C-alpha atoms as a PDB file:
ATOM      1  CA  MET A   1      -7.761 -25.875  30.838  1.00  0.00           C
ATOM      2  CA  MET A   2      -5.673 -24.119  33.517  1.00  0.00           C
ATOM      3  CA  ILE A   3      -3.789 -26.149  36.148  1.00  0.00           C
ATOM      4  CA  SER A   4      -2.594 -24.415  39.338  1.00  0.00           C
ATOM      5  CA  GLY A   5      -1.973 -25.125  43.022  1.00  0.00           C
ATOM      6  CA  ALA A   6       1.257 -25.831  44.838  1.00  0.00           C
ATOM      7  CA  GLU A   7       2.476 -29.406  45.048  1.00  0.00           C
ATOM      8  CA  ARG A   8      -0.049 -30.419  42.466  1.00  0.00           C
ATOM      9  CA  GLU A   9       0.974 -33.165  40.052  1.00  0.00           C
ATOM     10  CA  PHE A  10      -0.384 -33.478  36.493  1.00  0.00           C
ATOM     11  CA  ILE A  11       0.186 -35.419  33.289  1.00  0.00           C
ATOM     12  CA  ILE A  12       0.237 -34.020  29.767  1.00  0.00           C
ATOM     13  CA  LYS A  13      -0.731 -36.532  27.069  1.00  0.00           C
ATOM     14  CA  ASP A  14       0.520 -36.618  23.483  1.00  0.00           C
ATOM     15  CA  THR A  15      -2.756 -35.015  22.419  1.00  0.00           C
ATOM     16  CA  HIS A  16      -1.986 -31.770  24.305  1.00  0.00           C
ATOM     17  CA  ARG A  17       0.742 -29.264  24.955  1.00  0.00           C
ATOM     18  CA  GLY A  18       1.252 -27.249  28.155  1.00  0.00           C
ATOM     19  CA  LEU A  19       1.947 -23.500  28.440  1.00  0.00           C
ATOM     20  CA  TYR A  20       4.012 -23.118  31.654  1.00  0.00           C
ATOM     21  CA  TYR A  21       3.553 -19.713  33.341  1.00  0.00           C
ATOM     22  CA  GLU A  22       5.514 -18.222  36.238  1.00  0.00           C
ATOM     23  CA  ASP A  23       3.808 -15.182  37.786  1.00  0.00           C
ATOM     24  CA  GLY A  24       1.761 -14.815  34.611  1.00  0.00           C
ATOM     25  CA  LYS A  25       4.736 -14.938  32.239  1.00  0.00           C
ATOM     26  CA  LEU A  26       5.173 -17.789  29.759  1.00  0.00           C
ATOM     27  CA  ALA A  27       8.315 -19.632  30.796  1.00  0.00           C
ATOM     28  CA  LYS A  28       8.247 -22.668  28.527  1.00  0.00           C
ATOM     29  CA  ILE A  29       6.078 -25.049  26.501  1.00  0.00           C
ATOM     30  CA  LEU A  30       5.696 -28.507  27.990  1.00  0.00           C
ATOM     31  CA  GLU A  31       5.580 -31.636  25.870  1.00  0.00           C
ATOM     32  CA  ALA A  32       3.871 -34.887  26.919  1.00  0.00           C
ATOM     33  CA  GLY A  33       5.000 -36.138  30.304  1.00  0.00           C
ATOM     34  CA  HIS A  34       4.560 -36.086  34.098  1.00  0.00           C
ATOM     35  CA  TYR A  35       4.965 -32.765  35.901  1.00  0.00           C
ATOM     36  CA  LYS A  36       4.609 -31.225  39.398  1.00  0.00           C
ATOM     37  CA  ILE A  37       3.955 -27.619  40.408  1.00  0.00           C
ATOM     38  CA  PRO A  38       6.628 -26.565  42.952  1.00  0.00           C
ATOM     39  CA  PRO A  39       5.693 -25.084  46.375  1.00  0.00           C
ATOM     40  CA  ARG A  40       5.324 -21.313  46.641  1.00  0.00           C
ATOM     41  CA  LYS A  41       7.902 -21.038  49.465  1.00  0.00           C
ATOM     42  CA  ARG A  42      11.229 -22.715  50.107  1.00  0.00           C
ATOM     43  CA  TRP A  43      13.590 -21.882  53.022  1.00  0.00           C
ATOM     44  CA  PHE A  44      11.771 -18.689  53.726  1.00  0.00           C
ATOM     45  CA  LYS A  45      12.139 -17.711  50.088  1.00  0.00           C
ATOM     46  CA  LYS A  46       9.024 -16.889  48.120  1.00  0.00           C
ATOM     47  CA  LEU A  47       8.866 -18.688  44.758  1.00  0.00           C
ATOM     48  CA  PRO A  48       6.859 -17.570  41.696  1.00  0.00           C
ATOM     49  CA  THR A  49       3.271 -18.659  41.279  1.00  0.00           C
ATOM     50  CA  VAL A  50       3.126 -21.426  38.666  1.00  0.00           C
ATOM     51  CA  GLU A  51       0.221 -22.213  36.335  1.00  0.00           C
ATOM     52  CA  CYS A  52      -0.053 -24.492  33.352  1.00  0.00           C
ATOM     53  CA  MET A  53      -2.597 -24.207  30.538  1.00  0.00           C
ATOM     54  CA  LEU A  54      -3.314 -27.292  28.434  1.00  0.00           C
ATOM     55  CA  VAL A  55      -3.925 -26.808  24.693  1.00  0.00           C
ATOM     56  CA  ASP A  56      -5.504 -29.541  22.574  1.00  0.00           C
ATOM     57  CA  VAL A  57      -3.444 -30.129  19.402  1.00  0.00           C
ATOM     58  CA  ARG A  58      -5.629 -32.857  17.884  1.00  0.00           C
ATOM     59  CA  GLU A  59      -7.395 -32.386  14.551  1.00  0.00           C
ATOM     60  CA  ARG A  60     -10.892 -31.029  15.073  1.00  0.00           C
ATOM     61  CA  GLU A  61     -13.946 -30.002  13.081  1.00  0.00           C
ATOM     62  CA  LEU A  62     -15.769 -26.707  12.962  1.00  0.00           C
ATOM     63  CA  THR A  63     -19.153 -26.328  11.273  1.00  0.00           C
ATOM     64  CA  ILE A  64     -20.296 -22.952   9.948  1.00  0.00           C
ATOM     65  CA  LYS A  65     -24.058 -23.451   9.769  1.00  0.00           C
ATOM     66  CA  GLY A  66     -26.828 -21.897   7.724  1.00  0.00           C
ATOM     67  CA  GLN A  67     -25.035 -19.038   5.994  1.00  0.00           C
ATOM     68  CA  GLU A  68     -27.494 -17.286   3.676  1.00  0.00           C
ATOM     69  CA  ILE A  69     -25.564 -15.931   0.713  1.00  0.00           C
ATOM     70  CA  LEU A  70     -26.578 -14.219  -2.525  1.00  0.00           C
ATOM     71  CA  THR A  71     -24.814 -15.738  -5.521  1.00  0.00           C
ATOM     72  CA  ALA A  72     -23.427 -13.792  -8.481  1.00  0.00           C
ATOM     73  CA  ASP A  73     -26.680 -14.423 -10.409  1.00  0.00           C
ATOM     74  CA  LYS A  74     -28.800 -13.149  -7.492  1.00  0.00           C
ATOM     75  CA  VAL A  75     -29.990 -16.499  -6.116  1.00  0.00           C
ATOM     76  CA  ALA A  76     -30.239 -16.709  -2.327  1.00  0.00           C
ATOM     77  CA  ILE A  77     -28.899 -19.973  -0.948  1.00  0.00           C
ATOM     78  CA  ARG A  78     -28.146 -21.301   2.515  1.00  0.00           C
ATOM     79  CA  VAL A  79     -24.886 -23.159   2.902  1.00  0.00           C
ATOM     80  CA  SER A  80     -23.166 -25.017   5.729  1.00  0.00           C
ATOM     81  CA  ILE A  81     -19.406 -25.500   5.648  1.00  0.00           C
ATOM     82  CA  LEU A  82     -17.349 -28.119   7.446  1.00  0.00           C
ATOM     83  CA  VAL A  83     -13.780 -27.106   8.355  1.00  0.00           C
ATOM     84  CA  GLN A  84     -11.117 -29.511   9.599  1.00  0.00           C
ATOM     85  CA  PHE A  85      -8.222 -27.884  11.459  1.00  0.00           C
ATOM     86  CA  ARG A  86      -5.651 -28.396  14.206  1.00  0.00           C
ATOM     87  CA  VAL A  87      -3.530 -26.205  16.465  1.00  0.00           C
ATOM     88  CA  THR A  88       0.109 -26.382  15.368  1.00  0.00           C
ATOM     89  CA  ASP A  89       1.452 -23.528  17.518  1.00  0.00           C
ATOM     90  CA  ALA A  90       0.008 -23.589  21.052  1.00  0.00           C
ATOM     91  CA  LYS A  91       1.628 -20.289  22.060  1.00  0.00           C
ATOM     92  CA  ALA A  92       0.267 -18.377  19.046  1.00  0.00           C
ATOM     93  CA  ALA A  93      -3.200 -19.934  19.422  1.00  0.00           C
ATOM     94  CA  ILE A  94      -3.524 -18.659  23.014  1.00  0.00           C
ATOM     95  CA  HIS A  95      -1.538 -15.401  22.892  1.00  0.00           C
ATOM     96  CA  THR A  96      -2.345 -13.957  19.446  1.00  0.00           C
ATOM     97  CA  VAL A  97      -6.165 -13.949  19.541  1.00  0.00           C
ATOM     98  CA  ASP A  98      -8.780 -14.022  22.273  1.00  0.00           C
ATOM     99  CA  SER A  99     -10.328 -17.275  20.966  1.00  0.00           C
ATOM    100  CA  PHE A 100      -8.756 -19.032  18.002  1.00  0.00           C
ATOM    101  CA  GLU A 101     -11.938 -21.037  17.349  1.00  0.00           C
ATOM    102  CA  ASP A 102     -14.107 -17.905  17.160  1.00  0.00           C
ATOM    103  CA  ARG A 103     -11.521 -16.220  14.963  1.00  0.00           C
ATOM    104  CA  LEU A 104     -11.337 -19.218  12.661  1.00  0.00           C
ATOM    105  CA  TYR A 105     -15.155 -19.305  12.447  1.00  0.00           C
ATOM    106  CA  SER A 106     -15.257 -15.650  11.393  1.00  0.00           C
ATOM    107  CA  ASP A 107     -12.421 -15.986   8.874  1.00  0.00           C
ATOM    108  CA  VAL A 108     -13.931 -19.035   7.171  1.00  0.00           C
ATOM    109  CA  GLN A 109     -17.402 -17.464   7.180  1.00  0.00           C
ATOM    110  CA  LEU A 110     -16.167 -14.305   5.430  1.00  0.00           C
ATOM    111  CA  ALA A 111     -14.023 -16.264   2.977  1.00  0.00           C
ATOM    112  CA  ALA A 112     -16.989 -18.485   2.071  1.00  0.00           C
ATOM    113  CA  ARG A 113     -19.211 -15.446   1.532  1.00  0.00           C
ATOM    114  CA  ARG A 114     -16.656 -13.809  -0.737  1.00  0.00           C
ATOM    115  CA  SER A 115     -16.188 -17.006  -2.740  1.00  0.00           C
ATOM    116  CA  LEU A 116     -19.871 -17.893  -3.129  1.00  0.00           C
ATOM    117  CA  ALA A 117     -20.834 -14.308  -3.968  1.00  0.00           C
ATOM    118  CA  SER A 118     -18.479 -14.466  -6.957  1.00  0.00           C
ATOM    119  CA  MET A 119     -19.929 -17.749  -8.247  1.00  0.00           C
ATOM    120  CA  THR A 120     -23.137 -18.441 -10.154  1.00  0.00           C
ATOM    121  CA  LEU A 121     -25.558 -21.107  -8.997  1.00  0.00           C
ATOM    122  CA  GLU A 122     -24.463 -23.435 -11.800  1.00  0.00           C
ATOM    123  CA  GLU A 123     -20.812 -23.029 -10.825  1.00  0.00           C
ATOM    124  CA  ILE A 124     -21.640 -23.825  -7.199  1.00  0.00           C
ATOM    125  CA  LEU A 125     -23.494 -26.987  -8.210  1.00  0.00           C
ATOM    126  CA  THR A 126     -20.886 -28.222 -10.688  1.00  0.00           C
ATOM    127  CA  ASN A 127     -17.694 -27.194  -8.933  1.00  0.00           C
ATOM    128  CA  ARG A 128     -17.893 -27.372  -5.158  1.00  0.00           C
ATOM    129  CA  ASN A 129     -14.149 -27.894  -4.982  1.00  0.00           C
ATOM    130  CA  ARG A 130     -13.668 -24.273  -5.938  1.00  0.00           C
ATOM    131  CA  LEU A 131     -15.191 -23.161  -2.620  1.00  0.00           C
ATOM    132  CA  SER A 132     -12.709 -25.299  -0.690  1.00  0.00           C
ATOM    133  CA  GLU A 133      -9.824 -23.988  -2.752  1.00  0.00           C
ATOM    134  CA  ASP A 134     -10.947 -20.375  -2.281  1.00  0.00           C
ATOM    135  CA  ILE A 135     -11.311 -20.745   1.497  1.00  0.00           C
ATOM    136  CA  LEU A 136      -7.918 -22.430   1.849  1.00  0.00           C
ATOM    137  CA  SER A 137      -6.145 -19.801  -0.238  1.00  0.00           C
ATOM    138  CA  ASP A 138      -7.933 -16.953   1.600  1.00  0.00           C
ATOM    139  CA  VAL A 139      -7.659 -18.153   5.208  1.00  0.00           C
ATOM    140  CA  THR A 140      -4.558 -20.367   5.371  1.00  0.00           C
ATOM    141  CA  GLU A 141      -2.064 -17.556   5.833  1.00  0.00           C
ATOM    142  CA  SER A 142      -4.081 -15.636   8.441  1.00  0.00           C
ATOM    143  CA  ALA A 143      -4.882 -18.847  10.364  1.00  0.00           C
ATOM    144  CA  ASN A 144      -1.184 -19.714  10.474  1.00  0.00           C
ATOM    145  CA  GLY A 145      -0.663 -16.355  12.135  1.00  0.00           C
ATOM    146  CA  TYR A 146      -2.603 -17.509  15.207  1.00  0.00           C
ATOM    147  CA  GLY A 147      -1.227 -21.058  15.239  1.00  0.00           C
ATOM    148  CA  VAL A 148      -3.950 -22.933  13.338  1.00  0.00           C
ATOM    149  CA  THR A 149      -3.555 -25.041  10.201  1.00  0.00           C
ATOM    150  CA  ILE A 150      -6.640 -25.750   8.057  1.00  0.00           C
ATOM    151  CA  ARG A 151      -6.754 -29.231   6.577  1.00  0.00           C
ATOM    152  CA  ARG A 152      -9.840 -28.846   4.399  1.00  0.00           C
ATOM    153  CA  ALA A 153     -13.056 -26.861   4.022  1.00  0.00           C
ATOM    154  CA  ASP A 154     -16.010 -28.438   2.207  1.00  0.00           C
ATOM    155  CA  VAL A 155     -19.668 -27.707   1.565  1.00  0.00           C
ATOM    156  CA  LYS A 156     -21.679 -29.818   3.973  1.00  0.00           C
ATOM    157  CA  ASP A 157     -25.225 -28.698   3.128  1.00  0.00           C
ATOM    158  CA  LEU A 158     -26.614 -26.587   0.307  1.00  0.00           C
ATOM    159  CA  ILE A 159     -30.234 -25.408   0.618  1.00  0.00           C
ATOM    160  CA  PHE A 160     -32.145 -23.561  -2.122  1.00  0.00           C
ATOM    161  CA  PRO A 161     -35.383 -21.536  -1.991  1.00  0.00           C
ATOM    162  CA  GLY A 162     -38.542 -23.657  -2.228  1.00  0.00           C
ATOM    163  CA  ASN A 163     -39.530 -22.737  -5.795  1.00  0.00           C
ATOM    164  CA  LEU A 164     -35.976 -23.137  -7.013  1.00  0.00           C
ATOM    165  CA  GLN A 165     -35.712 -26.489  -5.272  1.00  0.00           C
ATOM    166  CA  GLU A 166     -38.812 -27.714  -7.093  1.00  0.00           C
ATOM    167  CA  ILE A 167     -37.481 -26.515 -10.432  1.00  0.00           C
ATOM    168  CA  MET A 168     -34.140 -28.177  -9.789  1.00  0.00           C
ATOM    169  CA  ASN A 169     -35.860 -31.418  -8.841  1.00  0.00           C
ATOM    170  CA  ARG A 170     -37.706 -31.336 -12.157  1.00  0.00           C
ATOM    171  CA  VAL A 171     -34.516 -30.600 -14.038  1.00  0.00           C
ATOM    172  CA  LEU A 172     -32.725 -33.448 -12.261  1.00  0.00           C
ATOM    173  CA  ALA A 173     -35.611 -35.801 -13.006  1.00  0.00           C
ATOM    174  CA  ALA A 174     -35.527 -34.788 -16.680  1.00  0.00           C
ATOM    175  CA  GLU A 175     -31.769 -35.308 -16.776  1.00  0.00           C
ATOM    176  CA  ARG A 176     -32.110 -38.755 -15.210  1.00  0.00           C
ATOM    177  CA  HIS A 177     -34.837 -39.650 -17.722  1.00  0.00           C
ATOM    178  CA  SER A 178     -32.665 -38.454 -20.612  1.00  0.00           C
ATOM    179  CA  GLU A 179     -29.712 -40.411 -19.290  1.00  0.00           C
ATOM    180  CA  ALA A 180     -31.881 -43.521 -18.951  1.00  0.00           C
ATOM    181  CA  GLN A 181     -33.110 -43.116 -22.546  1.00  0.00           C
ATOM    182  CA  LEU A 182     -29.559 -42.585 -23.738  1.00  0.00           C
ATOM    183  CA  VAL A 183     -28.382 -45.715 -21.932  1.00  0.00           C
ATOM    184  CA  GLU A 184     -31.307 -47.698 -23.373  1.00  0.00           C
ATOM    185  CA  ALA A 185     -30.555 -46.452 -26.900  1.00  0.00           C
ATOM    186  CA  ARG A 186     -26.880 -47.285 -26.523  1.00  0.00           C
ATOM    187  CA  THR A 187     -27.745 -50.734 -25.198  1.00  0.00           C
ATOM    188  CA  ARG A 188     -30.138 -51.356 -28.101  1.00  0.00           C
ATOM    189  CA  ALA A 189     -27.531 -50.202 -30.611  1.00  0.00           C
ATOM    190  CA  GLU A 190     -24.903 -52.431 -29.017  1.00  0.00           C
ATOM    191  CA  VAL A 191     -27.265 -55.427 -29.097  1.00  0.00           C
ATOM    192  CA  GLU A 192     -28.082 -54.800 -32.764  1.00  0.00           C
ATOM    193  CA  GLN A 193     -24.408 -54.441 -33.564  1.00  0.00           C
ATOM    194  CA  ILE A 194     -23.612 -57.706 -31.777  1.00  0.00           C
ATOM    195  CA  GLU A 195     -26.438 -59.483 -33.628  1.00  0.00           C
ATOM    196  CA  ALA A 196     -25.244 -58.096 -36.981  1.00  0.00           C
ATOM    197  CA  GLU A 197     -21.692 -59.173 -36.234  1.00  0.00           C
ATOM    198  CA  SER A 198     -22.961 -62.629 -35.229  1.00  0.00           C
ATOM    199  CA  ARG A 199     -24.939 -62.969 -38.478  1.00  0.00           C
ATOM    200  CA  ALA A 200     -21.954 -61.818 -40.508  1.00  0.00           C
ATOM    201  CA  GLU A 201     -19.724 -64.297 -38.688  1.00  0.00           C
ATOM    202  CA  ILE A 202     -22.192 -67.147 -39.301  1.00  0.00           C
ATOM    203  CA  THR A 203     -22.423 -66.211 -42.993  1.00  0.00           C
ATOM    204  CA  ARG A 204     -18.648 -66.066 -43.262  1.00  0.00           C
ATOM    205  CA  ARG A 205     -18.251 -69.453 -41.605  1.00  0.00           C
ATOM    206  CA  ASP A 206     -20.954 -70.997 -43.855  1.00  0.00           C
ATOM    207  CA  ALA A 207     -19.193 -69.595 -46.939  1.00  0.00           C
ATOM    208  CA  GLU A 208     -15.868 -70.956 -45.717  1.00  0.00           C
ATOM    209  CA  ALA A 209     -17.463 -74.349 -45.043  1.00  0.00           C
ATOM    210  CA  ASP A 210     -19.095 -74.420 -48.538  1.00  0.00           C
ATOM    211  CA  ALA A 211     -15.826 -73.410 -50.163  1.00  0.00           C
ATOM    212  CA  GLU A 212     -13.935 -76.098 -48.243  1.00  0.00           C
ATOM    213  CA  ALA A 213     -16.536 -78.732 -49.160  1.00  0.00           C
ATOM    214  CA  ARG A 214     -16.396 -77.688 -52.824  1.00  0.00           C
ATOM    215  CA  ARG A 215     -12.600 -77.785 -52.759  1.00  0.00           C
ATOM    216  CA  LEU A 216     -12.620 -81.262 -51.200  1.00  0.00           C
ATOM    217  CA  ARG A 217     -15.184 -82.472 -53.750  1.00  0.00           C
ATOM    218  CA  GLU A 218     -13.211 -81.102 -56.674  1.00  0.00           C
ATOM    219  CA  GLN A 219     -10.030 -82.558 -55.206  1.00  0.00           C
ATOM    220  CA  ALA A 220     -11.699 -85.967 -54.845  1.00  0.00           C
ATOM    221  CA  GLU A 221     -13.023 -85.805 -58.429  1.00  0.00           C
ATOM    222  CA  ALA A 222      -9.588 -84.827 -59.715  1.00  0.00           C
ATOM    223  CA  GLU A 223      -7.973 -87.635 -57.779  1.00  0.00           C
ATOM    224  CA  ALA A 224     -10.579 -90.104 -59.123  1.00  0.00           C
ATOM    225  CA  THR A 225     -10.015 -88.898 -62.713  1.00  0.00           C
ATOM    226  CA  GLN A 226      -6.278 -89.156 -62.246  1.00  0.00           C
ATOM    227  CA  ALA A 227      -6.621 -92.654 -60.768  1.00  0.00           C
ATOM    228  CA  LYS A 228      -8.864 -93.702 -63.692  1.00  0.00           C
ATOM    229  CA  ALA A 229      -6.387 -92.313 -66.214  1.00  0.00           C
ATOM    230  CA  GLU A 230      -3.535 -94.070 -64.483  1.00  0.00           C
ATOM    231  CA  ALA A 231      -5.502 -97.339 -64.453  1.00  0.00           C
ATOM    232  CA  GLU A 232      -6.300 -97.010 -68.173  1.00  0.00           C
ATOM    233  CA  THR A 233      -2.671 -96.207 -68.849  1.00  0.00           C
ATOM    234  CA  ARG A 234      -1.562 -99.297 -66.975  1.00  0.00           C
ATOM    235  CA  ALA A 235      -4.177-101.429 -68.763  1.00  0.00           C
ATOM    236  CA  TYR A 236      -3.061-100.084 -72.139  1.00  0.00           C
ATOM    237  CA  ALA A 237       0.545-100.751 -71.255  1.00  0.00           C
ATOM    238  CA  GLU A 238      -0.373-104.301 -70.272  1.00  0.00           C
ATOM    239  CA  ARG A 239      -2.219-104.825 -73.587  1.00  0.00           C
ATOM    240  CA  VAL A 240       0.769-103.500 -75.464  1.00  0.00           C
ATOM    241  CA  LYS A 241       3.019-105.917 -73.618  1.00  0.00           C
ATOM    242  CA  ALA A 242       0.570-108.755 -74.322  1.00  0.00           C
ATOM    243  CA  ALA A 243       0.418-107.858 -78.030  1.00  0.00           C
ATOM    244  CA  GLU A 244       4.186-107.739 -78.213  1.00  0.00           C
ATOM    245  CA  ALA A 245       4.375-111.135 -76.507  1.00  0.00           C
ATOM    246  CA  LEU A 246       1.804-112.685 -78.905  1.00  0.00           C
ATOM    247  CA  GLU A 247       3.516-111.163 -81.896  1.00  0.00           C
ATOM    248  CA  GLY A 248       6.788-112.725 -80.875  1.00  0.00           C
ATOM    249  CA  HIS A 249       5.226-116.134 -80.083  1.00  0.00           C
ATOM    250  CA  PRO A 250       2.452-117.146 -82.587  1.00  0.00           C
ATOM    251  CA  ALA A 251       1.813-120.311 -80.633  1.00  0.00           C
ATOM    252  CA  LEU A 252       0.614-118.182 -77.680  1.00  0.00           C
ATOM    253  CA  LEU A 253      -1.833-116.460 -80.031  1.00  0.00           C
ATOM    254  CA  ARG A 254      -3.163-119.812 -81.156  1.00  0.00           C
ATOM    255  CA  LEU A 255      -3.578-120.965 -77.583  1.00  0.00           C
ATOM    256  CA  ALA A 256      -5.481-117.748 -76.778  1.00  0.00           C
ATOM    257  CA  GLU A 257      -7.789-118.414 -79.783  1.00  0.00           C
ATOM    258  CA  LEU A 258      -8.438-121.970 -78.639  1.00  0.00           C
ATOM    259  CA  GLU A 259      -9.186-120.774 -75.094  1.00  0.00           C
ATOM    260  CA  THR A 260     -11.675-118.318 -76.513  1.00  0.00           C
ATOM    261  CA  LEU A 261     -13.328-121.013 -78.646  1.00  0.00           C
ATOM    262  CA  ARG A 262     -13.596-123.233 -75.587  1.00  0.00           C
ATOM    263  CA  GLU A 263     -15.404-120.521 -73.649  1.00  0.00           C
ATOM    264  CA  LEU A 264     -17.762-119.877 -76.577  1.00  0.00           C
ATOM    265  CA  ALA A 265     -18.520-123.579 -76.886  1.00  0.00           C
ATOM    266  CA  GLN A 266     -19.993-123.538 -73.416  1.00  0.00           C
ATOM    267  CA  ASN A 267     -22.730-121.183 -74.641  1.00  0.00           C
ATOM    268  CA  GLY A 268     -25.371-122.936 -76.766  1.00  0.00           C
ATOM    269  CA  ASN A 269     -26.609-119.738 -78.365  1.00  0.00           C
ATOM    270  CA  ALA A 270     -23.186-118.608 -79.479  1.00  0.00           C
ATOM    271  CA  ARG A 271     -22.436-118.629 -83.219  1.00  0.00           C
ATOM    272  CA  LEU A 272     -19.034-118.722 -84.762  1.00  0.00           C
ATOM    273  CA  TYR A 273     -18.310-117.544 -88.240  1.00  0.00           C
ATOM    274  CA  LEU A 274     -15.079-118.690 -89.812  1.00  0.00           C
ATOM    275  CA  GLY A 275     -13.794-117.154 -93.025  1.00  0.00           C
ATOM    276  CA  LEU A 276     -12.537-119.841 -95.542  1.00  0.00           C
ATOM    277  CA  ASP A 277     -10.810-119.244 -98.822  1.00  0.00           C
ATOM    278  CA  ARG A 278     -13.107-120.264-101.795  1.00  0.00           C
ATOM    279  CA  VAL A 279     -11.160-121.362-104.831  1.00  0.00           C
ATOM    280  CA  SER A 280     -12.957-121.533-108.258  1.00  0.00           C
ATOM    281  CA  LEU A 281     -12.785-124.654-110.426  1.00  0.00           C
ATOM    282  CA  ASN A 282     -10.632-122.866-112.911  1.00  0.00           C
ATOM    283  CA  GLY A 283      -8.183-122.195-110.183  1.00  0.00           C
ATOM    284  CA  THR A 284      -8.984-118.510-109.842  1.00  0.00           C
ATOM    285  CA  ASP A 285      -9.968-116.666-106.731  1.00  0.00           C
ATOM    286  CA  SER A 286     -13.753-116.337-106.748  1.00  0.00           C
ATOM    287  CA  GLY A 287     -14.162-114.744-103.295  1.00  0.00           C
ATOM    288  CA  LYS A 288     -14.974-116.076 -99.827  1.00  0.00           C
ATOM    289  CA  TYR A 289     -17.931-117.813 -98.215  1.00  0.00           C
ATOM    290  CA  ASP A 290     -19.196-118.145 -94.670  1.00  0.00           C
ATOM    291  CA  SER A 291     -20.347-121.316 -92.983  1.00  0.00           C
END
């Protein structure tokens, strides 16, 4: 956009830069601000003619549409490329080339053709980043020469011939089906593994529980046997003490015998056999008798 006319005021925003010309010669580059074109005459003195061209320095997009290119394996494809760029040197962008946008379009177009022509169809499908890298490495330096910096260049659309498109659709469908089967098989295997681990864990816990129950049972039996032995030992010790006491006091033994006889007397069916010494008439021992 060219601004001219004496006494004319204009504003340059941060999104633009101004090329300030005096009689067609670039005098300076204007930053954002408020400016006024001076009058052409002052005190009968003729002043230079002033013009100002505004240059947009914002980031912009450029689309290279429908480029039909033959790949390295002789497959014809149509590709559209999206380029993001901005003017970083307003003077170079206006003075170096006739139209920096047209020049950028041509440079990117040729770089894309060179890159895609060296790639096979499989490489294009699996590695689209290579195209961006090739364009940037091929065009960056030349674009800097006319004041333009390229931010990125990506494949926007990729169109194949009809028969190839159908084949690729079938291949993609087959790949999706294979992936689905693989996922299903993996899921089934994981489920079976989880079930097997669960069964093994249940078996292990049951075995631990049985072992603990058996240990507790054996421990209880051992404790009962030990308690029984201790009780018998105490009872035996008490009998020994009682025997010692009776042996030292015969009267206690007699009292115990009488107590026993008293208890037997309470039972009518009880019989008591007493052993008496039987002495023969001739005064010799003839044996014993029971009554």
